Amino acid sequence: MAWSVSPPTAELPACRLTFTGAISSPDMTHAFEQTARVCLEHDVWRVLTDASAMTASHTVIDIYTMVTTIADLGVQDTFREALIAPNEATARENVRFWEDAAVNRGLACKVFATEAEAVFWLLA
């Protein structure tokens, strides 16, 4: 599996989604379904997404579809996602597109270079 999701902890009161390697369309869909499940179970809509080791293999249409699905959940008032930018250039462009698409749909989403910056913003 090229991704994992962890529930909130005392140290990080947010769900943590980690991507590594190539993420296919089905991988991305499954990852976000499971992340939504964990968020619902814990009633926490803050997500730290570590995409630093991700490489791109999904499409812009995949990204647009997932952002629309999240926005359709009606969580704009409570959802907040901080993403740690990938090192790989194409994946980094895709994450920036994710950020733009999410913000355009009223979701609080921001991309950061480091985990420390991401966590600071996420928990502010």
PDB file of N, CA and C in Angstrom:
ATOM      1  N   MET A   1       0.855  -1.176   0.000  1.00  0.00           N
ATOM      2  CA  MET A   1       0.000   0.000   0.000  1.00  0.00           C
ATOM      3  C   MET A   1       0.896   1.233   0.000  1.00  0.00           C
ATOM      4  N   ALA A   2       0.584   2.187  -0.855  1.00  0.00           N
ATOM      5  CA  ALA A   2       1.395   3.386  -1.007  1.00  0.00           C
ATOM      6  C   ALA A   2       0.896   4.541  -0.148  1.00  0.00           C
ATOM      7  N   TRP A   3       0.011   4.253   0.794  1.00  0.00           N
ATOM      8  CA  TRP A   3      -0.512   5.299   1.666  1.00  0.00           C
ATOM      9  C   TRP A   3      -0.917   4.678   2.998  1.00  0.00           C
ATOM     10  N   SER A   4      -1.024   5.532   4.013  1.00  0.00           N
ATOM     11  CA  SER A   4      -1.528   5.079   5.308  1.00  0.00           C
ATOM     12  C   SER A   4      -2.234   6.258   5.968  1.00  0.00           C
ATOM     13  N   VAL A   5      -3.189   5.932   6.836  1.00  0.00           N
ATOM     14  CA  VAL A   5      -3.904   6.970   7.575  1.00  0.00           C
ATOM     15  C   VAL A   5      -3.871   6.612   9.049  1.00  0.00           C
ATOM     16  N   SER A   6      -3.622   7.623   9.882  1.00  0.00           N
ATOM     17  CA  SER A   6      -3.550   7.433  11.333  1.00  0.00           C
ATOM     18  C   SER A   6      -4.558   8.356  12.004  1.00  0.00           C
ATOM     19  N   PRO A   7      -5.169   7.874  13.092  1.00  0.00           N
ATOM     20  CA  PRO A   7      -6.126   8.711  13.825  1.00  0.00           C
ATOM     21  C   PRO A   7      -5.404   9.788  14.625  1.00  0.00           C
ATOM     22  N   PRO A   8      -6.157  10.744  15.137  1.00  0.00           N
ATOM     23  CA  PRO A   8      -5.549  11.786  15.972  1.00  0.00           C
ATOM     24  C   PRO A   8      -4.913  11.198  17.227  1.00  0.00           C
ATOM     25  N   THR A   9      -3.894  11.876  17.721  1.00  0.00           N
ATOM     26  CA  THR A   9      -3.215  11.471  18.957  1.00  0.00           C
ATOM     27  C   THR A   9      -3.123  12.703  19.868  1.00  0.00           C
ATOM     28  N   ALA A  10      -2.641  12.488  21.085  1.00  0.00           N
ATOM     29  CA  ALA A  10      -2.446  13.616  22.008  1.00  0.00           C
ATOM     30  C   ALA A  10      -1.410  14.585  21.433  1.00  0.00           C
ATOM     31  N   GLU A  11      -0.390  14.054  20.754  1.00  0.00           N
ATOM     32  CA  GLU A  11       0.664  14.896  20.189  1.00  0.00           C
ATOM     33  C   GLU A  11       0.196  15.625  18.930  1.00  0.00           C
ATOM     34  N   LEU A  12      -0.664  14.972  18.136  1.00  0.00           N
ATOM     35  CA  LEU A  12      -1.179  15.563  16.904  1.00  0.00           C
ATOM     36  C   LEU A  12      -2.684  15.341  16.858  1.00  0.00           C
ATOM     37  N   PRO A  13      -3.458  16.331  17.307  1.00  0.00           N
ATOM     38  CA  PRO A  13      -4.911  16.187  17.328  1.00  0.00           C
ATOM     39  C   PRO A  13      -5.525  16.387  15.933  1.00  0.00           C
ATOM     40  N   ALA A  14      -5.018  15.609  14.985  1.00  0.00           N
ATOM     41  CA  ALA A  14      -5.483  15.642  13.597  1.00  0.00           C
ATOM     42  C   ALA A  14      -5.245  14.262  12.993  1.00  0.00           C
ATOM     43  N   CYS A  15      -5.990  13.943  11.953  1.00  0.00           N
ATOM     44  CA  CYS A  15      -5.718  12.701  11.218  1.00  0.00           C
ATOM     45  C   CYS A  15      -4.473  12.939  10.376  1.00  0.00           C
ATOM     46  N   ARG A  16      -3.688  11.892  10.205  1.00  0.00           N
ATOM     47  CA  ARG A  16      -2.463  11.998   9.401  1.00  0.00           C
ATOM     48  C   ARG A  16      -2.566  11.035   8.229  1.00  0.00           C
ATOM     49  N   LEU A  17      -2.450  11.580   7.032  1.00  0.00           N
ATOM     50  CA  LEU A  17      -2.470  10.782   5.809  1.00  0.00           C
ATOM     51  C   LEU A  17      -1.088  10.879   5.183  1.00  0.00           C
ATOM     52  N   THR A  18      -0.479   9.728   4.924  1.00  0.00           N
ATOM     53  CA  THR A  18       0.872   9.699   4.371  1.00  0.00           C
ATOM     54  C   THR A  18       0.863   8.965   3.040  1.00  0.00           C
ATOM     55  N   PHE A  19       1.402   9.610   2.015  1.00  0.00           N
ATOM     56  CA  PHE A  19       1.547   9.006   0.690  1.00  0.00           C
ATOM     57  C   PHE A  19       3.021   8.738   0.424  1.00  0.00           C
ATOM     58  N   THR A  20       3.325   7.572  -0.174  1.00  0.00           N
ATOM     59  CA  THR A  20       4.697   7.269  -0.598  1.00  0.00           C
ATOM     60  C   THR A  20       4.648   6.637  -1.976  1.00  0.00           C
ATOM     61  N   GLY A  21       5.580   7.028  -2.812  1.00  0.00           N
ATOM     62  CA  GLY A  21       5.660   6.444  -4.147  1.00  0.00           C
ATOM     63  C   GLY A  21       4.537   6.901  -5.053  1.00  0.00           C
ATOM     64  N   ALA A  22       4.301   6.092  -6.082  1.00  0.00           N
ATOM     65  CA  ALA A  22       3.278   6.400  -7.082  1.00  0.00           C
ATOM     66  C   ALA A  22       1.890   6.142  -6.516  1.00  0.00           C
ATOM     67  N   ILE A  23       1.015   7.110  -6.654  1.00  0.00           N
ATOM     68  CA  ILE A  23      -0.353   6.996  -6.153  1.00  0.00           C
ATOM     69  C   ILE A  23      -1.284   6.948  -7.356  1.00  0.00           C
ATOM     70  N   SER A  24      -1.931   5.808  -7.537  1.00  0.00           N
ATOM     71  CA  SER A  24      -2.868   5.642  -8.650  1.00  0.00           C
ATOM     72  C   SER A  24      -4.213   6.257  -8.289  1.00  0.00           C
ATOM     73  N   SER A  25      -5.088   6.356  -9.280  1.00  0.00           N
ATOM     74  CA  SER A  25      -6.438   6.864  -9.027  1.00  0.00           C
ATOM     75  C   SER A  25      -7.168   6.035  -7.977  1.00  0.00           C
ATOM     76  N   PRO A  26      -7.164   4.690  -8.081  1.00  0.00           N
ATOM     77  CA  PRO A  26      -7.835   3.900  -7.040  1.00  0.00           C
ATOM     78  C   PRO A  26      -7.184   4.072  -5.662  1.00  0.00           C
ATOM     79  N   ASP A  27      -5.852   4.191  -5.615  1.00  0.00           N
ATOM     80  CA  ASP A  27      -5.159   4.434  -4.340  1.00  0.00           C
ATOM     81  C   ASP A  27      -5.651   5.734  -3.709  1.00  0.00           C
ATOM     82  N   MET A  28      -5.716   6.782  -4.522  1.00  0.00           N
ATOM     83  CA  MET A  28      -6.121   8.083  -4.004  1.00  0.00           C
ATOM     84  C   MET A  28      -7.562   8.032  -3.493  1.00  0.00           C
ATOM     85  N   THR A  29      -8.434   7.421  -4.260  1.00  0.00           N
ATOM     86  CA  THR A  29      -9.833   7.311  -3.842  1.00  0.00           C
ATOM     87  C   THR A  29      -9.953   6.551  -2.531  1.00  0.00           C
ATOM     88  N   HIS A  30      -9.281   5.413  -2.438  1.00  0.00           N
ATOM     89  CA  HIS A  30      -9.348   4.603  -1.218  1.00  0.00           C
ATOM     90  C   HIS A  30      -8.745   5.352  -0.028  1.00  0.00           C
ATOM     91  N   ALA A  31      -7.643   6.034  -0.248  1.00  0.00           N
ATOM     92  CA  ALA A  31      -7.000   6.793   0.834  1.00  0.00           C
ATOM     93  C   ALA A  31      -7.943   7.861   1.390  1.00  0.00           C
ATOM     94  N   PHE A  32      -8.613   8.579   0.524  1.00  0.00           N
ATOM     95  CA  PHE A  32      -9.495   9.635   1.002  1.00  0.00           C
ATOM     96  C   PHE A  32     -10.780   9.085   1.613  1.00  0.00           C
ATOM     97  N   GLU A  33     -11.256   7.946   1.111  1.00  0.00           N
ATOM     98  CA  GLU A  33     -12.416   7.319   1.756  1.00  0.00           C
ATOM     99  C   GLU A  33     -12.065   6.894   3.177  1.00  0.00           C
ATOM    100  N   GLN A  34     -10.900   6.287   3.348  1.00  0.00           N
ATOM    101  CA  GLN A  34     -10.487   5.840   4.678  1.00  0.00           C
ATOM    102  C   GLN A  34     -10.179   7.021   5.600  1.00  0.00           C
ATOM    103  N   THR A  35      -9.612   8.078   5.046  1.00  0.00           N
ATOM    104  CA  THR A  35      -9.343   9.262   5.852  1.00  0.00           C
ATOM    105  C   THR A  35     -10.654   9.882   6.327  1.00  0.00           C
ATOM    106  N   ALA A  36     -11.643   9.953   5.450  1.00  0.00           N
ATOM    107  CA  ALA A  36     -12.960  10.474   5.843  1.00  0.00           C
ATOM    108  C   ALA A  36     -13.576   9.608   6.932  1.00  0.00           C
ATOM    109  N   ARG A  37     -13.414   8.278   6.823  1.00  0.00           N
ATOM    110  CA  ARG A  37     -13.941   7.362   7.836  1.00  0.00           C
ATOM    111  C   ARG A  37     -13.294   7.629   9.187  1.00  0.00           C
ATOM    112  N   VAL A  38     -11.960   7.792   9.206  1.00  0.00           N
ATOM    113  CA  VAL A  38     -11.242   8.057  10.456  1.00  0.00           C
ATOM    114  C   VAL A  38     -11.656   9.420  11.022  1.00  0.00           C
ATOM    115  N   CYS A  39     -11.798  10.426  10.157  1.00  0.00           N
ATOM    116  CA  CYS A  39     -12.239  11.746  10.615  1.00  0.00           C
ATOM    117  C   CYS A  39     -13.625  11.654  11.251  1.00  0.00           C
ATOM    118  N   LEU A  40     -14.536  10.940  10.610  1.00  0.00           N
ATOM    119  CA  LEU A  40     -15.889  10.778  11.146  1.00  0.00           C
ATOM    120  C   LEU A  40     -15.875  10.045  12.483  1.00  0.00           C
ATOM    121  N   GLU A  41     -15.098   8.970  12.558  1.00  0.00           N
ATOM    122  CA  GLU A  41     -15.026   8.182  13.796  1.00  0.00           C
ATOM    123  C   GLU A  41     -14.544   9.015  14.980  1.00  0.00           C
ATOM    124  N   HIS A  42     -13.626   9.932  14.718  1.00  0.00           N
ATOM    125  CA  HIS A  42     -13.011  10.724  15.791  1.00  0.00           C
ATOM    126  C   HIS A  42     -13.549  12.154  15.859  1.00  0.00           C
ATOM    127  N   ASP A  43     -14.479  12.476  14.959  1.00  0.00           N
ATOM    128  CA  ASP A  43     -15.047  13.815  14.883  1.00  0.00           C
ATOM    129  C   ASP A  43     -13.952  14.881  14.846  1.00  0.00           C
ATOM    130  N   VAL A  44     -12.966  14.631  14.002  1.00  0.00           N
ATOM    131  CA  VAL A  44     -11.836  15.540  13.796  1.00  0.00           C
ATOM    132  C   VAL A  44     -11.715  15.761  12.294  1.00  0.00           C
ATOM    133  N   TRP A  45     -11.806  17.015  11.873  1.00  0.00           N
ATOM    134  CA  TRP A  45     -11.740  17.322  10.445  1.00  0.00           C
ATOM    135  C   TRP A  45     -10.491  18.115  10.094  1.00  0.00           C
ATOM    136  N   ARG A  46      -9.435  17.905  10.862  1.00  0.00           N
ATOM    137  CA  ARG A  46      -8.124  18.472  10.540  1.00  0.00           C
ATOM    138  C   ARG A  46      -7.261  17.314  10.040  1.00  0.00           C
ATOM    139  N   VAL A  47      -6.618  17.532   8.899  1.00  0.00           N
ATOM    140  CA  VAL A  47      -5.840  16.464   8.275  1.00  0.00           C
ATOM    141  C   VAL A  47      -4.455  16.995   7.922  1.00  0.00           C
ATOM    142  N   LEU A  48      -3.433  16.273   8.377  1.00  0.00           N
ATOM    143  CA  LEU A  48      -2.063  16.542   7.969  1.00  0.00           C
ATOM    144  C   LEU A  48      -1.729  15.509   6.898  1.00  0.00           C
ATOM    145  N   THR A  49      -1.512  15.973   5.691  1.00  0.00           N
ATOM    146  CA  THR A  49      -1.202  15.075   4.583  1.00  0.00           C
ATOM    147  C   THR A  49       0.268  15.224   4.233  1.00  0.00           C
ATOM    148  N   ASP A  50       1.012  14.138   4.437  1.00  0.00           N
ATOM    149  CA  ASP A  50       2.439  14.128   4.114  1.00  0.00           C
ATOM    150  C   ASP A  50       2.603  13.515   2.728  1.00  0.00           C
ATOM    151  N   ALA A  51       2.827  14.381   1.749  1.00  0.00           N
ATOM    152  CA  ALA A  51       3.018  13.936   0.371  1.00  0.00           C
ATOM    153  C   ALA A  51       4.470  14.071  -0.060  1.00  0.00           C
ATOM    154  N   SER A  52       5.365  14.270   0.909  1.00  0.00           N
ATOM    155  CA  SER A  52       6.767  14.550   0.581  1.00  0.00           C
ATOM    156  C   SER A  52       7.435  13.438  -0.216  1.00  0.00           C
ATOM    157  N   ALA A  53       7.007  12.186  -0.032  1.00  0.00           N
ATOM    158  CA  ALA A  53       7.614  11.059  -0.745  1.00  0.00           C
ATOM    159  C   ALA A  53       6.729  10.536  -1.880  1.00  0.00           C
ATOM    160  N   MET A  54       5.706  11.298  -2.244  1.00  0.00           N
ATOM    161  CA  MET A  54       4.777  10.877  -3.298  1.00  0.00           C
ATOM    162  C   MET A  54       5.326  11.237  -4.669  1.00  0.00           C
ATOM    163  N   THR A  55       5.058  10.367  -5.631  1.00  0.00           N
ATOM    164  CA  THR A  55       5.321  10.675  -7.031  1.00  0.00           C
ATOM    165  C   THR A  55       3.984  10.649  -7.761  1.00  0.00           C
ATOM    166  N   ALA A  56       3.879  11.421  -8.811  1.00  0.00           N
ATOM    167  CA  ALA A  56       2.599  11.583  -9.500  1.00  0.00           C
ATOM    168  C   ALA A  56       2.303  10.405 -10.424  1.00  0.00           C
ATOM    169  N   SER A  57       1.101   9.864 -10.300  1.00  0.00           N
ATOM    170  CA  SER A  57       0.615   8.898 -11.286  1.00  0.00           C
ATOM    171  C   SER A  57      -0.894   9.008 -11.440  1.00  0.00           C
ATOM    172  N   HIS A  58      -1.490   9.989 -10.764  1.00  0.00           N
ATOM    173  CA  HIS A  58      -2.915  10.244 -10.911  1.00  0.00           C
ATOM    174  C   HIS A  58      -3.087  11.491 -11.784  1.00  0.00           C
ATOM    175  N   THR A  59      -4.309  11.752 -12.200  1.00  0.00           N
ATOM    176  CA  THR A  59      -4.552  12.836 -13.144  1.00  0.00           C
ATOM    177  C   THR A  59      -5.174  14.044 -12.455  1.00  0.00           C
ATOM    178  N   VAL A  60      -5.195  15.146 -13.166  1.00  0.00           N
ATOM    179  CA  VAL A  60      -5.838  16.356 -12.678  1.00  0.00           C
ATOM    180  C   VAL A  60      -7.336  16.089 -12.490  1.00  0.00           C
ATOM    181  N   ILE A  61      -7.916  15.289 -13.351  1.00  0.00           N
ATOM    182  CA  ILE A  61      -9.338  14.935 -13.217  1.00  0.00           C
ATOM    183  C   ILE A  61      -9.566  14.167 -11.919  1.00  0.00           C
ATOM    184  N   ASP A  62      -8.650  13.259 -11.554  1.00  0.00           N
ATOM    185  CA  ASP A  62      -8.747  12.543 -10.276  1.00  0.00           C
ATOM    186  C   ASP A  62      -8.766  13.540  -9.116  1.00  0.00           C
ATOM    187  N   ILE A  63      -7.877  14.498  -9.178  1.00  0.00           N
ATOM    188  CA  ILE A  63      -7.761  15.491  -8.108  1.00  0.00           C
ATOM    189  C   ILE A  63      -9.048  16.312  -8.019  1.00  0.00           C
ATOM    190  N   TYR A  64      -9.509  16.799  -9.149  1.00  0.00           N
ATOM    191  CA  TYR A  64     -10.731  17.599  -9.186  1.00  0.00           C
ATOM    192  C   TYR A  64     -11.915  16.816  -8.622  1.00  0.00           C
ATOM    193  N   THR A  65     -12.026  15.554  -9.000  1.00  0.00           N
ATOM    194  CA  THR A  65     -13.126  14.705  -8.527  1.00  0.00           C
ATOM    195  C   THR A  65     -13.069  14.523  -7.017  1.00  0.00           C
ATOM    196  N   MET A  66     -11.871  14.279  -6.457  1.00  0.00           N
ATOM    197  CA  MET A  66     -11.754  14.073  -5.012  1.00  0.00           C
ATOM    198  C   MET A  66     -12.067  15.350  -4.239  1.00  0.00           C
ATOM    199  N   VAL A  67     -11.593  16.488  -4.721  1.00  0.00           N
ATOM    200  CA  VAL A  67     -11.880  17.754  -4.049  1.00  0.00           C
ATOM    201  C   VAL A  67     -13.386  18.014  -4.062  1.00  0.00           C
ATOM    202  N   THR A  68     -14.020  17.770  -5.188  1.00  0.00           N
ATOM    203  CA  THR A  68     -15.465  17.962  -5.295  1.00  0.00           C
ATOM    204  C   THR A  68     -16.202  17.036  -4.335  1.00  0.00           C
ATOM    205  N   THR A  69     -15.753  15.796  -4.221  1.00  0.00           N
ATOM    206  CA  THR A  69     -16.372  14.834  -3.300  1.00  0.00           C
ATOM    207  C   THR A  69     -16.277  15.327  -1.863  1.00  0.00           C
ATOM    208  N   ILE A  70     -15.119  15.829  -1.474  1.00  0.00           N
ATOM    209  CA  ILE A  70     -14.941  16.339  -0.104  1.00  0.00           C
ATOM    210  C   ILE A  70     -15.819  17.564   0.110  1.00  0.00           C
ATOM    211  N   ALA A  71     -15.839  18.470  -0.843  1.00  0.00           N
ATOM    212  CA  ALA A  71     -16.664  19.671  -0.705  1.00  0.00           C
ATOM    213  C   ALA A  71     -18.148  19.311  -0.605  1.00  0.00           C
ATOM    214  N   ASP A  72     -18.555  18.271  -1.321  1.00  0.00           N
ATOM    215  CA  ASP A  72     -19.958  17.838  -1.294  1.00  0.00           C
ATOM    216  C   ASP A  72     -20.361  17.248   0.053  1.00  0.00           C
ATOM    217  N   LEU A  73     -19.375  16.920   0.905  1.00  0.00           N
ATOM    218  CA  LEU A  73     -19.696  16.420   2.249  1.00  0.00           C
ATOM    219  C   LEU A  73     -20.220  17.537   3.150  1.00  0.00           C
ATOM    220  N   GLY A  74     -20.029  18.777   2.731  1.00  0.00           N
ATOM    221  CA  GLY A  74     -20.509  19.907   3.521  1.00  0.00           C
ATOM    222  C   GLY A  74     -19.677  20.196   4.757  1.00  0.00           C
ATOM    223  N   VAL A  75     -18.381  19.940   4.682  1.00  0.00           N
ATOM    224  CA  VAL A  75     -17.508  20.117   5.849  1.00  0.00           C
ATOM    225  C   VAL A  75     -16.668  21.401   5.760  1.00  0.00           C
ATOM    226  N   GLN A  76     -17.075  22.324   4.899  1.00  0.00           N
ATOM    227  CA  GLN A  76     -16.293  23.546   4.695  1.00  0.00           C
ATOM    228  C   GLN A  76     -16.029  24.308   5.990  1.00  0.00           C
ATOM    229  N   ASP A  77     -16.957  24.277   6.925  1.00  0.00           N
ATOM    230  CA  ASP A  77     -16.780  25.025   8.169  1.00  0.00           C
ATOM    231  C   ASP A  77     -15.800  24.371   9.138  1.00  0.00           C
ATOM    232  N   THR A  78     -15.567  23.077   9.001  1.00  0.00           N
ATOM    233  CA  THR A  78     -14.721  22.372   9.962  1.00  0.00           C
ATOM    234  C   THR A  78     -13.479  21.732   9.347  1.00  0.00           C
ATOM    235  N   PHE A  79     -13.463  21.482   8.053  1.00  0.00           N
ATOM    236  CA  PHE A  79     -12.338  20.813   7.396  1.00  0.00           C
ATOM    237  C   PHE A  79     -11.152  21.754   7.270  1.00  0.00           C
ATOM    238  N   ARG A  80      -9.968  21.217   7.570  1.00  0.00           N
ATOM    239  CA  ARG A  80      -8.715  21.980   7.435  1.00  0.00           C
ATOM    240  C   ARG A  80      -7.640  20.969   7.090  1.00  0.00           C
ATOM    241  N   GLU A  81      -6.942  21.188   5.972  1.00  0.00           N
ATOM    242  CA  GLU A  81      -5.891  20.262   5.553  1.00  0.00           C
ATOM    243  C   GLU A  81      -4.600  21.011   5.283  1.00  0.00           C
ATOM    244  N   ALA A  82      -3.530  20.523   5.905  1.00  0.00           N
ATOM    245  CA  ALA A  82      -2.182  21.028   5.654  1.00  0.00           C
ATOM    246  C   ALA A  82      -1.426  19.927   4.920  1.00  0.00           C
ATOM    247  N   LEU A  83      -0.857  20.263   3.790  1.00  0.00           N
ATOM    248  CA  LEU A  83      -0.113  19.295   2.985  1.00  0.00           C
ATOM    249  C   LEU A  83       1.363  19.615   2.990  1.00  0.00           C
ATOM    250  N   ILE A  84       2.175  18.590   3.151  1.00  0.00           N
ATOM    251  CA  ILE A  84       3.628  18.734   3.030  1.00  0.00           C
ATOM    252  C   ILE A  84       3.955  18.424   1.574  1.00  0.00           C
ATOM    253  N   ALA A  85       4.538  19.385   0.881  1.00  0.00           N
ATOM    254  CA  ALA A  85       4.756  19.296  -0.561  1.00  0.00           C
ATOM    255  C   ALA A  85       5.678  18.137  -0.938  1.00  0.00           C
ATOM    256  N   PRO A  86       5.354  17.487  -2.058  1.00  0.00           N
ATOM    257  CA  PRO A  86       6.229  16.429  -2.568  1.00  0.00           C
ATOM    258  C   PRO A  86       7.552  17.000  -3.075  1.00  0.00           C
ATOM    259  N   ASN A  87       8.555  16.143  -3.100  1.00  0.00           N
ATOM    260  CA  ASN A  87       9.849  16.538  -3.648  1.00  0.00           C
ATOM    261  C   ASN A  87       9.850  16.465  -5.168  1.00  0.00           C
ATOM    262  N   GLU A  88       9.082  15.542  -5.731  1.00  0.00           N
ATOM    263  CA  GLU A  88       9.036  15.327  -7.176  1.00  0.00           C
ATOM    264  C   GLU A  88       8.209  16.434  -7.838  1.00  0.00           C
ATOM    265  N   ALA A  89       8.724  17.010  -8.933  1.00  0.00           N
ATOM    266  CA  ALA A  89       8.144  18.215  -9.534  1.00  0.00           C
ATOM    267  C   ALA A  89       6.699  18.038  -9.996  1.00  0.00           C
ATOM    268  N   THR A  90       6.385  16.977 -10.720  1.00  0.00           N
ATOM    269  CA  THR A  90       5.020  16.794 -11.220  1.00  0.00           C
ATOM    270  C   THR A  90       4.050  16.585 -10.072  1.00  0.00           C
ATOM    271  N   ALA A  91       4.444  15.811  -9.084  1.00  0.00           N
ATOM    272  CA  ALA A  91       3.593  15.597  -7.911  1.00  0.00           C
ATOM    273  C   ALA A  91       3.378  16.909  -7.169  1.00  0.00           C
ATOM    274  N   ARG A  92       4.407  17.740  -7.094  1.00  0.00           N
ATOM    275  CA  ARG A  92       4.289  19.038  -6.420  1.00  0.00           C
ATOM    276  C   ARG A  92       3.280  19.929  -7.161  1.00  0.00           C
ATOM    277  N   GLU A  93       3.310  19.908  -8.495  1.00  0.00           N
ATOM    278  CA  GLU A  93       2.333  20.669  -9.285  1.00  0.00           C
ATOM    279  C   GLU A  93       0.917  20.158  -9.023  1.00  0.00           C
ATOM    280  N   ASN A  94       0.761  18.839  -8.926  1.00  0.00           N
ATOM    281  CA  ASN A  94      -0.559  18.261  -8.647  1.00  0.00           C
ATOM    282  C   ASN A  94      -1.069  18.676  -7.273  1.00  0.00           C
ATOM    283  N   VAL A  95      -0.188  18.723  -6.288  1.00  0.00           N
ATOM    284  CA  VAL A  95      -0.589  19.128  -4.942  1.00  0.00           C
ATOM    285  C   VAL A  95      -0.979  20.603  -4.938  1.00  0.00           C
ATOM    286  N   ARG A  96      -0.294  21.414  -5.692  1.00  0.00           N
ATOM    287  CA  ARG A  96      -0.665  22.839  -5.805  1.00  0.00           C
ATOM    288  C   ARG A  96      -2.042  22.975  -6.465  1.00  0.00           C
ATOM    289  N   PHE A  97      -2.315  22.141  -7.474  1.00  0.00           N
ATOM    290  CA  PHE A  97      -3.638  22.152  -8.101  1.00  0.00           C
ATOM    291  C   PHE A  97      -4.700  21.737  -7.082  1.00  0.00           C
ATOM    292  N   TRP A  98      -4.383  20.711  -6.265  1.00  0.00           N
ATOM    293  CA  TRP A  98      -5.300  20.273  -5.193  1.00  0.00           C
ATOM    294  C   TRP A  98      -5.631  21.468  -4.282  1.00  0.00           C
ATOM    295  N   GLU A  99      -4.590  22.175  -3.862  1.00  0.00           N
ATOM    296  CA  GLU A  99      -4.778  23.326  -2.979  1.00  0.00           C
ATOM    297  C   GLU A  99      -5.706  24.363  -3.624  1.00  0.00           C
ATOM    298  N   ASP A 100      -5.444  24.714  -4.881  1.00  0.00           N
ATOM    299  CA  ASP A 100      -6.276  25.703  -5.573  1.00  0.00           C
ATOM    300  C   ASP A 100      -7.721  25.236  -5.702  1.00  0.00           C
ATOM    301  N   ALA A 101      -7.906  23.986  -6.102  1.00  0.00           N
ATOM    302  CA  ALA A 101      -9.259  23.443  -6.276  1.00  0.00           C
ATOM    303  C   ALA A 101     -10.005  23.416  -4.944  1.00  0.00           C
ATOM    304  N   ALA A 102      -9.324  23.037  -3.878  1.00  0.00           N
ATOM    305  CA  ALA A 102      -9.956  22.969  -2.558  1.00  0.00           C
ATOM    306  C   ALA A 102     -10.355  24.363  -2.075  1.00  0.00           C
ATOM    307  N   VAL A 103      -9.456  25.310  -2.180  1.00  0.00           N
ATOM    308  CA  VAL A 103      -9.737  26.678  -1.735  1.00  0.00           C
ATOM    309  C   VAL A 103     -10.894  27.267  -2.551  1.00  0.00           C
ATOM    310  N   ASN A 104     -10.924  26.980  -3.842  1.00  0.00           N
ATOM    311  CA  ASN A 104     -12.007  27.480  -4.699  1.00  0.00           C
ATOM    312  C   ASN A 104     -13.369  26.900  -4.303  1.00  0.00           C
ATOM    313  N   ARG A 105     -13.380  25.800  -3.579  1.00  0.00           N
ATOM    314  CA  ARG A 105     -14.634  25.191  -3.113  1.00  0.00           C
ATOM    315  C   ARG A 105     -14.900  25.465  -1.635  1.00  0.00           C
ATOM    316  N   GLY A 106     -14.163  26.406  -1.073  1.00  0.00           N
ATOM    317  CA  GLY A 106     -14.416  26.836   0.291  1.00  0.00           C
ATOM    318  C   GLY A 106     -13.756  26.000   1.361  1.00  0.00           C
ATOM    319  N   LEU A 107     -12.802  25.144   0.986  1.00  0.00           N
ATOM    320  CA  LEU A 107     -12.107  24.305   1.961  1.00  0.00           C
ATOM    321  C   LEU A 107     -10.800  24.984   2.382  1.00  0.00           C
ATOM    322  N   ALA A 108     -10.480  24.899   3.661  1.00  0.00           N
ATOM    323  CA  ALA A 108      -9.221  25.440   4.170  1.00  0.00           C
ATOM    324  C   ALA A 108      -8.126  24.420   3.869  1.00  0.00           C
ATOM    325  N   CYS A 109      -7.260  24.760   2.952  1.00  0.00           N
ATOM    326  CA  CYS A 109      -6.218  23.833   2.496  1.00  0.00           C
ATOM    327  C   CYS A 109      -4.996  24.658   2.121  1.00  0.00           C
ATOM    328  N   LYS A 110      -3.820  24.186   2.570  1.00  0.00           N
ATOM    329  CA  LYS A 110      -2.597  24.937   2.291  1.00  0.00           C
ATOM    330  C   LYS A 110      -1.421  23.971   2.180  1.00  0.00           C
ATOM    331  N   VAL A 111      -0.508  24.275   1.272  1.00  0.00           N
ATOM    332  CA  VAL A 111       0.684  23.457   1.042  1.00  0.00           C
ATOM    333  C   VAL A 111       1.881  24.116   1.718  1.00  0.00           C
ATOM    334  N   PHE A 112       2.709  23.276   2.351  1.00  0.00           N
ATOM    335  CA  PHE A 112       3.890  23.760   3.069  1.00  0.00           C
ATOM    336  C   PHE A 112       5.125  22.969   2.657  1.00  0.00           C
ATOM    337  N   ALA A 113       6.296  23.573   2.854  1.00  0.00           N
ATOM    338  CA  ALA A 113       7.556  22.911   2.535  1.00  0.00           C
ATOM    339  C   ALA A 113       7.983  21.950   3.640  1.00  0.00           C
ATOM    340  N   THR A 114       7.600  22.247   4.893  1.00  0.00           N
ATOM    341  CA  THR A 114       8.050  21.422   6.012  1.00  0.00           C
ATOM    342  C   THR A 114       6.874  20.983   6.876  1.00  0.00           C
ATOM    343  N   GLU A 115       7.087  19.898   7.605  1.00  0.00           N
ATOM    344  CA  GLU A 115       6.057  19.410   8.519  1.00  0.00           C
ATOM    345  C   GLU A 115       5.808  20.400   9.652  1.00  0.00           C
ATOM    346  N   ALA A 116       6.851  21.008  10.153  1.00  0.00           N
ATOM    347  CA  ALA A 116       6.693  21.960  11.260  1.00  0.00           C
ATOM    348  C   ALA A 116       5.777  23.113  10.866  1.00  0.00           C
ATOM    349  N   GLU A 117       5.974  23.664   9.667  1.00  0.00           N
ATOM    350  CA  GLU A 117       5.114  24.749   9.180  1.00  0.00           C
ATOM    351  C   GLU A 117       3.675  24.260   9.019  1.00  0.00           C
ATOM    352  N   ALA A 118       3.525  23.068   8.471  1.00  0.00           N
ATOM    353  CA  ALA A 118       2.190  22.508   8.235  1.00  0.00           C
ATOM    354  C   ALA A 118       1.426  22.303   9.543  1.00  0.00           C
ATOM    355  N   VAL A 119       2.093  21.722  10.526  1.00  0.00           N
ATOM    356  CA  VAL A 119       1.444  21.464  11.812  1.00  0.00           C
ATOM    357  C   VAL A 119       1.096  22.778  12.510  1.00  0.00           C
ATOM    358  N   PHE A 120       1.983  23.750  12.463  1.00  0.00           N
ATOM    359  CA  PHE A 120       1.725  25.047  13.090  1.00  0.00           C
ATOM    360  C   PHE A 120       0.443  25.664  12.524  1.00  0.00           C
ATOM    361  N   TRP A 121       0.318  25.687  11.194  1.00  0.00           N
ATOM    362  CA  TRP A 121      -0.879  26.258  10.547  1.00  0.00           C
ATOM    363  C   TRP A 121      -2.122  25.408  10.852  1.00  0.00           C
ATOM    364  N   LEU A 122      -1.974  24.107  10.781  1.00  0.00           N
ATOM    365  CA  LEU A 122      -3.105  23.200  10.968  1.00  0.00           C
ATOM    366  C   LEU A 122      -3.736  23.354  12.342  1.00  0.00           C
ATOM    367  N   LEU A 123      -2.912  23.529  13.354  1.00  0.00           N
ATOM    368  CA  LEU A 123      -3.404  23.579  14.724  1.00  0.00           C
ATOM    369  C   LEU A 123      -3.686  24.990  15.229  1.00  0.00           C
ATOM    370  N   ALA A 124      -3.400  25.991  14.401  1.00  0.00           N
ATOM    371  CA  ALA A 124      -3.622  27.398  14.804  1.00  0.00           C
ATOM    372  C   ALA A 124      -5.103  27.716  14.904  1.00  0.00           C
TER     373      ALA A 124
END
